[in-house]
Amino acid sequence: MTEEWRKKLAANMKNAENNVDFCEALYRYIIERLELPKDTHQRELYYLVLFSVRLKMPNEDVSTLESRLATVDCHQTSYIVSKKTLLMMEIERELGVSLDAISATDVVSVDDYADKLWEKINEK
């Protein structure tokens, strides 16, 4: 994703007039950022990140890839969870908001995340 394209997608989120439009703009941002196919229908963030990693490692057999991705670092966090967290941090930085740790932990789907972000944005 180019910087110009990222800014355009971020502007779509910032300019959304309602939660539904915001959720769709957020989903488009995530799909583009993770370089997933446009026809992706998955809504859970963990699986979107996992899918993006699998696409970048097409020659790895699934069992080897899953084994590598299941290993954890010294913080007991897997690669997929770390990548999901970094994606969320990027989005929050783009929007100028930050979810508290408890709210962020509760996020499972793009829709959950959109609801929490929309609420935070409208607190301002």
Protein backbone atom coordinates (compact mmCIF):
# COMPACT_ATOMS: atom_id res chain seq x y z
CA MET A 1 0.00 0.00 0.00
CA THR A 2 1.45 3.35 -0.98
CA GLU A 3 1.54 6.25 1.46
CA GLU A 4 -0.91 8.18 -0.71
CA TRP A 5 -3.36 5.27 -0.79
CA ARG A 6 -3.04 4.76 2.99
CA LYS A 7 -3.83 8.44 3.58
CA LYS A 8 -6.86 8.24 1.28
CA LEU A 9 -8.22 5.21 3.13
CA ALA A 10 -7.54 6.85 6.50
CA ALA A 11 -9.39 9.97 5.29
CA ASN A 12 -12.39 7.77 4.42
CA MET A 13 -12.48 6.60 8.04
CA LYS A 14 -12.07 10.13 9.42
CA ASN A 15 -14.80 11.52 7.16
CA ALA A 16 -17.38 8.80 7.84
CA GLU A 17 -20.70 10.28 8.88
CA ASN A 18 -22.02 7.28 10.77
CA ASN A 19 -20.91 4.04 12.37
CA VAL A 20 -21.92 1.91 9.37
CA ASP A 21 -19.84 3.99 6.94
CA PHE A 22 -16.98 4.08 9.44
CA CYS A 23 -17.04 0.29 9.82
CA GLU A 24 -16.92 -0.19 6.04
CA ALA A 25 -14.05 2.31 5.68
CA LEU A 26 -12.15 0.57 8.49
CA TYR A 27 -12.69 -2.81 6.85
CA ARG A 28 -11.41 -1.49 3.49
CA TYR A 29 -8.36 -0.02 5.22
CA ILE A 30 -7.57 -3.35 6.89
CA ILE A 31 -8.07 -5.36 3.69
CA GLU A 32 -5.78 -3.01 1.74
CA ARG A 33 -3.19 -2.75 4.53
CA LEU A 34 -2.94 -6.52 4.85
CA GLU A 35 -2.92 -6.87 1.04
CA LEU A 36 -5.84 -9.28 1.08
CA PRO A 37 -8.06 -10.02 -1.92
CA LYS A 38 -10.85 -7.48 -2.39
CA ASP A 39 -13.46 -10.24 -2.14
CA THR A 40 -12.36 -11.31 1.36
CA HIS A 41 -15.39 -11.78 3.62
CA GLN A 42 -13.73 -12.71 6.91
CA ARG A 43 -14.50 -10.19 9.69
CA GLU A 44 -12.37 -11.51 12.57
CA LEU A 45 -9.13 -9.56 12.89
CA TYR A 46 -7.05 -12.54 14.01
CA TYR A 47 -8.01 -14.57 10.94
CA LEU A 48 -7.53 -11.61 8.59
CA VAL A 49 -3.96 -11.24 9.86
CA LEU A 50 -3.39 -15.00 9.67
CA PHE A 51 -4.67 -15.04 6.08
CA SER A 52 -2.32 -12.20 5.14
CA VAL A 53 0.67 -14.08 6.57
CA ARG A 54 -0.29 -17.25 4.71
CA LEU A 55 -0.51 -15.31 1.46
CA LYS A 56 3.04 -14.02 1.97
CA MET A 57 4.37 -17.56 2.60
CA PRO A 58 2.70 -19.57 -0.15
CA ASN A 59 5.42 -22.23 -0.33
CA GLU A 60 5.12 -23.24 3.32
CA ASP A 61 2.94 -26.24 3.96
CA VAL A 62 0.06 -25.44 6.30
CA SER A 63 1.20 -27.58 9.25
CA THR A 64 4.72 -26.11 9.22
CA LEU A 65 3.37 -22.59 8.90
CA GLU A 66 0.88 -23.09 11.74
CA SER A 67 3.61 -24.52 13.92
CA ARG A 68 5.90 -21.54 13.24
CA LEU A 69 3.09 -19.06 13.85
CA ALA A 70 1.99 -20.75 17.07
CA THR A 71 5.33 -20.20 18.78
CA VAL A 72 5.35 -17.38 21.29
CA ASP A 73 7.88 -14.74 22.26
CA CYS A 74 9.08 -13.83 25.75
CA HIS A 75 5.78 -12.00 26.34
CA GLN A 76 3.82 -15.17 25.52
CA THR A 77 2.48 -13.52 22.38
CA SER A 78 2.31 -15.18 18.98
CA TYR A 79 3.38 -13.53 15.74
CA ILE A 80 -0.24 -13.20 14.59
CA VAL A 81 -1.34 -11.51 17.83
CA SER A 82 1.64 -9.15 17.64
CA LYS A 83 0.85 -8.25 14.03
CA LYS A 84 -2.82 -7.69 14.92
CA THR A 85 -1.78 -5.40 17.77
CA LEU A 86 0.56 -3.40 15.52
CA LEU A 87 -2.21 -3.02 12.92
CA MET A 88 -4.57 -1.71 15.60
CA MET A 89 -1.93 0.71 16.87
CA GLU A 90 -1.40 2.03 13.33
CA ILE A 91 -5.13 2.58 12.82
CA GLU A 92 -5.51 4.32 16.17
CA ARG A 93 -2.54 6.57 15.38
CA GLU A 94 -4.14 7.46 12.02
CA LEU A 95 -7.37 8.38 13.79
CA GLY A 96 -5.75 10.18 16.70
CA VAL A 97 -7.40 7.97 19.31
CA SER A 98 -6.28 5.21 21.61
CA LEU A 99 -8.26 2.39 23.13
CA ASP A 100 -7.44 1.35 26.66
CA ALA A 101 -5.92 -2.12 27.10
CA ILE A 102 -9.16 -3.70 28.33
CA SER A 103 -11.21 -2.39 25.39
CA ALA A 104 -8.54 -3.47 22.91
CA THR A 105 -8.43 -6.97 24.41
CA ASP A 106 -12.19 -7.34 23.85
CA VAL A 107 -11.85 -6.69 20.10
CA VAL A 108 -12.47 -9.79 18.03
CA SER A 109 -13.99 -8.60 14.78
CA VAL A 110 -13.69 -5.55 12.57
CA ASP A 111 -17.22 -4.67 13.66
CA ASP A 112 -16.26 -4.79 17.37
CA TYR A 113 -13.26 -2.63 16.64
CA ALA A 114 -15.27 -0.15 14.58
CA ASP A 115 -17.83 0.22 17.38
CA LYS A 116 -15.13 0.91 19.98
CA LEU A 117 -13.25 3.33 17.74
CA TRP A 118 -16.44 5.14 16.68
CA GLU A 119 -17.39 5.58 20.32
CA LYS A 120 -13.90 6.89 21.16
CA ILE A 121 -13.86 9.29 18.19
CA ASN A 122 -17.22 10.73 19.17
CA GLU A 123 -16.09 11.35 22.77
CA LYS A 124 -13.96 14.22 21.48
